[in-house]
């Protein structure tokens, strides 16, 4: 039983000390935040751009 506890403790410490997964999660969070910022910027610019095109089309139709 003591041997099993020792193996379990070693396995836990090996997983706990592995920092590769933490780095991948951090990069994933950063990529997600960048994606949210890009989507927000595109939706704002897209709305303004649509209004601009409508205004130009209206002015051309009245000219």
PDB file of N, CA and C in Angstrom:
ATOM      1  N   UNK A   1       0.827  -1.196   0.000  1.00  0.00           N
ATOM      2  CA  UNK A   1       0.000   0.000   0.000  1.00  0.00           C
ATOM      3  C   UNK A   1       0.867   1.254   0.000  1.00  0.00           C
ATOM      4  N   UNK A   2       1.975   1.177   0.709  1.00  0.00           N
ATOM      5  CA  UNK A   2       2.878   2.332   0.769  1.00  0.00           C
ATOM      6  C   UNK A   2       3.497   2.606  -0.602  1.00  0.00           C
ATOM      7  N   UNK A   3       3.743   1.543  -1.337  1.00  0.00           N
ATOM      8  CA  UNK A   3       4.303   1.680  -2.685  1.00  0.00           C
ATOM      9  C   UNK A   3       3.300   2.397  -3.607  1.00  0.00           C
ATOM     10  N   UNK A   4       2.023   2.078  -3.468  1.00  0.00           N
ATOM     11  CA  UNK A   4       0.986   2.714  -4.277  1.00  0.00           C
ATOM     12  C   UNK A   4       0.897   4.195  -3.936  1.00  0.00           C
ATOM     13  N   UNK A   5       0.963   4.516  -2.654  1.00  0.00           N
ATOM     14  CA  UNK A   5       0.918   5.916  -2.232  1.00  0.00           C
ATOM     15  C   UNK A   5       2.118   6.692  -2.777  1.00  0.00           C
ATOM     16  N   UNK A   6       3.276   6.051  -2.774  1.00  0.00           N
ATOM     17  CA  UNK A   6       4.481   6.703  -3.285  1.00  0.00           C
ATOM     18  C   UNK A   6       4.366   6.955  -4.792  1.00  0.00           C
ATOM     19  N   UNK A   7       3.840   5.983  -5.522  1.00  0.00           N
ATOM     20  CA  UNK A   7       3.654   6.148  -6.969  1.00  0.00           C
ATOM     21  C   UNK A   7       2.621   7.231  -7.260  1.00  0.00           C
ATOM     22  N   UNK A   8       1.546   7.265  -6.492  1.00  0.00           N
ATOM     23  CA  UNK A   8       0.519   8.284  -6.686  1.00  0.00           C
ATOM     24  C   UNK A   8       1.080   9.672  -6.391  1.00  0.00           C
ATOM     25  N   UNK A   9       1.881   9.781  -5.338  1.00  0.00           N
ATOM     26  CA  UNK A   9       2.488  11.065  -4.989  1.00  0.00           C
ATOM     27  C   UNK A   9       3.438  11.523  -6.087  1.00  0.00           C
ATOM     28  N   UNK A  10       4.226  10.596  -6.631  1.00  0.00           N
ATOM     29  CA  UNK A  10       5.149  10.958  -7.717  1.00  0.00           C
ATOM     30  C   UNK A  10       4.383  11.403  -8.963  1.00  0.00           C
ATOM     31  N   UNK A  11       3.308  10.688  -9.286  1.00  0.00           N
ATOM     32  CA  UNK A  11       2.511  11.052 -10.455  1.00  0.00           C
ATOM     33  C   UNK A  11       1.877  12.423 -10.257  1.00  0.00           C
ATOM     34  N   UNK A  12       1.360  12.687  -9.059  1.00  0.00           N
ATOM     35  CA  UNK A  12       0.759  13.989  -8.778  1.00  0.00           C
ATOM     36  C   UNK A  12       1.785  15.100  -8.900  1.00  0.00           C
ATOM     37  N   UNK A  13       2.974  14.905  -8.344  1.00  0.00           N
ATOM     38  CA  UNK A  13       4.020  15.927  -8.423  1.00  0.00           C
ATOM     39  C   UNK A  13       4.480  16.148  -9.858  1.00  0.00           C
ATOM     40  N   UNK A  14       4.536  15.088 -10.645  1.00  0.00           N
ATOM     41  CA  UNK A  14       4.941  15.238 -12.050  1.00  0.00           C
ATOM     42  C   UNK A  14       3.921  16.080 -12.806  1.00  0.00           C
ATOM     43  N   UNK A  15       2.636  15.832 -12.562  1.00  0.00           N
ATOM     44  CA  UNK A  15       1.589  16.618 -13.226  1.00  0.00           C
ATOM     45  C   UNK A  15       1.589  18.046 -12.699  1.00  0.00           C
ATOM     46  N   UNK A  16       1.760  18.205 -11.394  1.00  0.00           N
ATOM     47  CA  UNK A  16       1.722  19.533 -10.773  1.00  0.00           C
ATOM     48  C   UNK A  16       2.885  20.403 -11.246  1.00  0.00           C
ATOM     49  N   UNK A  17       4.050  19.814 -11.433  1.00  0.00           N
ATOM     50  CA  UNK A  17       5.239  20.582 -11.824  1.00  0.00           C
ATOM     51  C   UNK A  17       5.339  20.820 -13.327  1.00  0.00           C
ATOM     52  N   UNK A  18       4.467  20.190 -14.114  1.00  0.00           N
ATOM     53  CA  UNK A  18       4.490  20.376 -15.567  1.00  0.00           C
ATOM     54  C   UNK A  18       3.831  21.707 -15.906  1.00  0.00           C
ATOM     55  N   UNK A  19       4.591  22.638 -16.429  1.00  0.00           N
ATOM     56  CA  UNK A  19       4.095  23.984 -16.728  1.00  0.00           C
ATOM     57  C   UNK A  19       3.715  24.174 -18.194  1.00  0.00           C
ATOM     58  N   UNK A  20       3.862  23.154 -19.017  1.00  0.00           N
ATOM     59  CA  UNK A  20       3.533  23.284 -20.436  1.00  0.00           C
ATOM     60  C   UNK A  20       2.047  23.543 -20.642  1.00  0.00           C
ATOM     61  N   UNK A  21       1.211  22.877 -19.886  1.00  0.00           N
ATOM     62  CA  UNK A  21      -0.222  23.056 -20.010  1.00  0.00           C
ATOM     63  C   UNK A  21      -0.658  24.449 -19.599  1.00  0.00           C
ATOM     64  N   UNK A  22      -0.018  24.990 -18.583  1.00  0.00           N
ATOM     65  CA  UNK A  22      -0.352  26.336 -18.114  1.00  0.00           C
ATOM     66  C   UNK A  22      -0.054  27.359 -19.199  1.00  0.00           C
ATOM     67  N   UNK A  23       1.065  27.226 -19.855  1.00  0.00           N
ATOM     68  CA  UNK A  23       1.434  28.152 -20.921  1.00  0.00           C
ATOM     69  C   UNK A  23       0.434  28.067 -22.067  1.00  0.00           C
ATOM     70  N   UNK A  24       0.014  26.876 -22.416  1.00  0.00           N
ATOM     71  CA  UNK A  24      -0.952  26.709 -23.502  1.00  0.00           C
ATOM     72  C   UNK A  24      -2.284  27.367 -23.137  1.00  0.00           C
ATOM     73  N   UNK A  25      -2.706  27.226 -21.896  1.00  0.00           N
ATOM     74  CA  UNK A  25      -3.958  27.849 -21.464  1.00  0.00           C
ATOM     75  C   UNK A  25      -3.837  29.363 -21.516  1.00  0.00           C
ATOM     76  N   UNK A  26      -2.708  29.891 -21.075  1.00  0.00           N
ATOM     77  CA  UNK A  26      -2.507  31.346 -21.119  1.00  0.00           C
ATOM     78  C   UNK A  26      -2.555  31.862 -22.553  1.00  0.00           C
ATOM     79  N   UNK A  27      -1.900  31.170 -23.463  1.00  0.00           N
ATOM     80  CA  UNK A  27      -1.937  31.583 -24.870  1.00  0.00           C
ATOM     81  C   UNK A  27      -3.351  31.492 -25.431  1.00  0.00           C
ATOM     82  N   UNK A  28      -4.094  30.485 -25.019  1.00  0.00           N
ATOM     83  CA  UNK A  28      -5.471  30.350 -25.456  1.00  0.00           C
ATOM     84  C   UNK A  28      -6.339  31.499 -24.968  1.00  0.00           C
ATOM     85  N   UNK A  29      -6.148  31.906 -23.713  1.00  0.00           N
ATOM     86  CA  UNK A  29      -6.904  33.035 -23.180  1.00  0.00           C
ATOM     87  C   UNK A  29      -6.556  34.331 -23.905  1.00  0.00           C
ATOM     88  N   UNK A  30      -5.281  34.538 -24.175  1.00  0.00           N
ATOM     89  CA  UNK A  30      -4.854  35.744 -24.895  1.00  0.00           C
ATOM     90  C   UNK A  30      -5.463  35.754 -26.299  1.00  0.00           C
ATOM     91  N   UNK A  31      -5.420  34.619 -26.975  1.00  0.00           N
ATOM     92  CA  UNK A  31      -5.997  34.536 -28.326  1.00  0.00           C
ATOM     93  C   UNK A  31      -7.498  34.803 -28.287  1.00  0.00           C
ATOM     94  N   UNK A  32      -8.170  34.300 -27.268  1.00  0.00           N
ATOM     95  CA  UNK A  32      -9.602  34.546 -27.130  1.00  0.00           C
ATOM     96  C   UNK A  32      -9.921  36.016 -26.920  1.00  0.00           C
ATOM     97  N   UNK A  33      -9.140  36.684 -26.085  1.00  0.00           N
ATOM     98  CA  UNK A  33      -9.349  38.115 -25.838  1.00  0.00           C
ATOM     99  C   UNK A  33      -9.092  38.936 -27.098  1.00  0.00           C
ATOM    100  N   UNK A  34      -8.064  38.570 -27.843  1.00  0.00           N
ATOM    101  CA  UNK A  34      -7.777  39.273 -29.097  1.00  0.00           C
ATOM    102  C   UNK A  34      -8.931  39.067 -30.081  1.00  0.00           C
ATOM    103  N   UNK A  35      -9.469  37.851 -30.144  1.00  0.00           N
ATOM    104  CA  UNK A  35     -10.590  37.572 -31.053  1.00  0.00           C
ATOM    105  C   UNK A  35     -11.814  38.405 -30.671  1.00  0.00           C
ATOM    106  N   UNK A  36     -12.091  38.528 -29.370  1.00  0.00           N
ATOM    107  CA  UNK A  36     -13.229  39.332 -28.922  1.00  0.00           C
ATOM    108  C   UNK A  36     -13.025  40.795 -29.302  1.00  0.00           C
ATOM    109  N   UNK A  37     -11.807  41.302 -29.132  1.00  0.00           N
ATOM    110  CA  UNK A  37     -11.517  42.693 -29.491  1.00  0.00           C
ATOM    111  C   UNK A  37     -11.689  42.917 -30.994  1.00  0.00           C
ATOM    112  N   UNK A  38     -11.216  41.982 -31.804  1.00  0.00           N
ATOM    113  CA  UNK A  38     -11.343  42.115 -33.257  1.00  0.00           C
ATOM    114  C   UNK A  38     -12.808  42.083 -33.681  1.00  0.00           C
ATOM    115  N   UNK A  39     -13.581  41.168 -33.104  1.00  0.00           N
ATOM    116  CA  UNK A  39     -15.003  41.080 -33.455  1.00  0.00           C
ATOM    117  C   UNK A  39     -15.730  42.359 -33.065  1.00  0.00           C
ATOM    118  N   UNK A  40     -15.412  42.905 -31.889  1.00  0.00           N
ATOM    119  CA  UNK A  40     -16.021  44.162 -31.466  1.00  0.00           C
ATOM    120  C   UNK A  40     -15.672  45.314 -32.386  1.00  0.00           C
ATOM    121  N   UNK A  41     -14.409  45.399 -32.761  1.00  0.00           N
ATOM    122  CA  UNK A  41     -13.979  46.484 -33.648  1.00  0.00           C
ATOM    123  C   UNK A  41     -14.632  46.356 -35.022  1.00  0.00           C
ATOM    124  N   UNK A  42     -14.704  45.154 -35.535  1.00  0.00           N
ATOM    125  CA  UNK A  42     -15.308  44.956 -36.855  1.00  0.00           C
ATOM    126  C   UNK A  42     -16.791  45.290 -36.824  1.00  0.00           C
ATOM    127  N   UNK A  43     -17.475  44.922 -35.752  1.00  0.00           N
ATOM    128  CA  UNK A  43     -18.909  45.220 -35.695  1.00  0.00           C
ATOM    129  C   UNK A  43     -19.145  46.724 -35.600  1.00  0.00           C
ATOM    130  N   UNK A  44     -18.305  47.453 -34.866  1.00  0.00           N
ATOM    131  CA  UNK A  44     -18.448  48.909 -34.795  1.00  0.00           C
ATOM    132  C   UNK A  44     -18.130  49.567 -36.132  1.00  0.00           C
ATOM    133  N   UNK A  45     -17.039  49.174 -36.745  1.00  0.00           N
ATOM    134  CA  UNK A  45     -16.649  49.751 -38.027  1.00  0.00           C
ATOM    135  C   UNK A  45     -17.655  49.364 -39.103  1.00  0.00           C
ATOM    136  N   UNK A  46     -18.146  48.136 -39.058  1.00  0.00           N
ATOM    137  CA  UNK A  46     -19.121  47.692 -40.047  1.00  0.00           C
ATOM    138  C   UNK A  46     -20.396  48.509 -39.998  1.00  0.00           C
ATOM    139  N   UNK A  47     -20.861  48.827 -38.793  1.00  0.00           N
ATOM    140  CA  UNK A  47     -22.067  49.646 -38.654  1.00  0.00           C
ATOM    141  C   UNK A  47     -21.827  51.039 -39.200  1.00  0.00           C
ATOM    142  N   UNK A  48     -20.706  51.650 -38.820  1.00  0.00           N
ATOM    143  CA  UNK A  48     -20.387  52.990 -39.319  1.00  0.00           C
ATOM    144  C   UNK A  48     -20.201  52.990 -40.833  1.00  0.00           C
ATOM    145  N   UNK A  49     -19.574  51.955 -41.341  1.00  0.00           N
ATOM    146  CA  UNK A  49     -19.342  51.865 -42.776  1.00  0.00           C
ATOM    147  C   UNK A  49     -20.666  51.702 -43.521  1.00  0.00           C
ATOM    148  N   UNK A  50     -21.580  50.924 -42.991  1.00  0.00           N
ATOM    149  CA  UNK A  50     -22.897  50.772 -43.594  1.00  0.00           C
ATOM    150  C   UNK A  50     -23.655  52.086 -43.624  1.00  0.00           C
ATOM    151  N   UNK A  51     -23.589  52.858 -42.542  1.00  0.00           N
ATOM    152  CA  UNK A  51     -24.238  54.167 -42.510  1.00  0.00           C
ATOM    153  C   UNK A  51     -23.626  55.124 -43.535  1.00  0.00           C
ATOM    154  N   UNK A  52     -22.300  55.063 -43.679  1.00  0.00           N
ATOM    155  CA  UNK A  52     -21.617  55.914 -44.651  1.00  0.00           C
ATOM    156  C   UNK A  52     -22.055  55.581 -46.076  1.00  0.00           C
ATOM    157  N   UNK A  53     -22.114  54.296 -46.407  1.00  0.00           N
ATOM    158  CA  UNK A  53     -22.543  53.890 -47.742  1.00  0.00           C
ATOM    159  C   UNK A  53     -23.980  54.310 -48.008  1.00  0.00           C
ATOM    160  N   UNK A  54     -24.838  54.175 -47.014  1.00  0.00           N
ATOM    161  CA  UNK A  54     -26.234  54.596 -47.177  1.00  0.00           C
ATOM    162  C   UNK A  54     -26.332  56.097 -47.406  1.00  0.00           C
ATOM    163  N   UNK A  55     -25.506  56.869 -46.707  1.00  0.00           N
ATOM    164  CA  UNK A  55     -25.504  58.314 -46.866  1.00  0.00           C
ATOM    165  C   UNK A  55     -25.015  58.690 -48.268  1.00  0.00           C
ATOM    166  N   UNK A  56     -23.965  58.051 -48.734  1.00  0.00           N
ATOM    167  CA  UNK A  56     -23.444  58.316 -50.077  1.00  0.00           C
ATOM    168  C   UNK A  56     -24.488  57.937 -51.122  1.00  0.00           C
ATOM    169  N   UNK A  57     -25.116  56.805 -50.954  1.00  0.00           N
ATOM    170  CA  UNK A  57     -26.145  56.366 -51.915  1.00  0.00           C
ATOM    171  C   UNK A  57     -27.318  57.338 -51.933  1.00  0.00           C
ATOM    172  N   UNK A  58     -27.685  57.847 -50.772  1.00  0.00           N
ATOM    173  CA  UNK A  58     -28.785  58.807 -50.689  1.00  0.00           C
ATOM    174  C   UNK A  58     -28.410  60.113 -51.383  1.00  0.00           C
ATOM    175  N   UNK A  59     -27.187  60.563 -51.161  1.00  0.00           N
ATOM    176  CA  UNK A  59     -26.742  61.807 -51.808  1.00  0.00           C
ATOM    177  C   UNK A  59     -26.642  61.653 -53.315  1.00  0.00           C
ATOM    178  N   UNK A  60     -26.225  60.480 -53.777  1.00  0.00           N
ATOM    179  CA  UNK A  60     -26.156  60.240 -55.213  1.00  0.00           C
ATOM    180  C   UNK A  60     -27.546  60.179 -55.832  1.00  0.00           C
ATOM    181  N   UNK A  61     -28.480  59.617 -55.104  1.00  0.00           N
ATOM    182  CA  UNK A  61     -29.837  59.511 -55.623  1.00  0.00           C
ATOM    183  C   UNK A  61     -30.499  60.885 -55.709  1.00  0.00           C
ATOM    184  N   UNK A  62     -30.153  61.785 -54.795  1.00  0.00           N
ATOM    185  CA  UNK A  62     -30.737  63.134 -54.783  1.00  0.00           C
ATOM    186  C   UNK A  62     -30.017  64.093 -55.735  1.00  0.00           C
ATOM    187  N   UNK A  63     -28.878  63.709 -56.245  1.00  0.00           N
ATOM    188  CA  UNK A  63     -28.104  64.618 -57.102  1.00  0.00           C
ATOM    189  C   UNK A  63     -28.570  64.618 -58.533  1.00  0.00           C
TER     190      UNK A  63
END
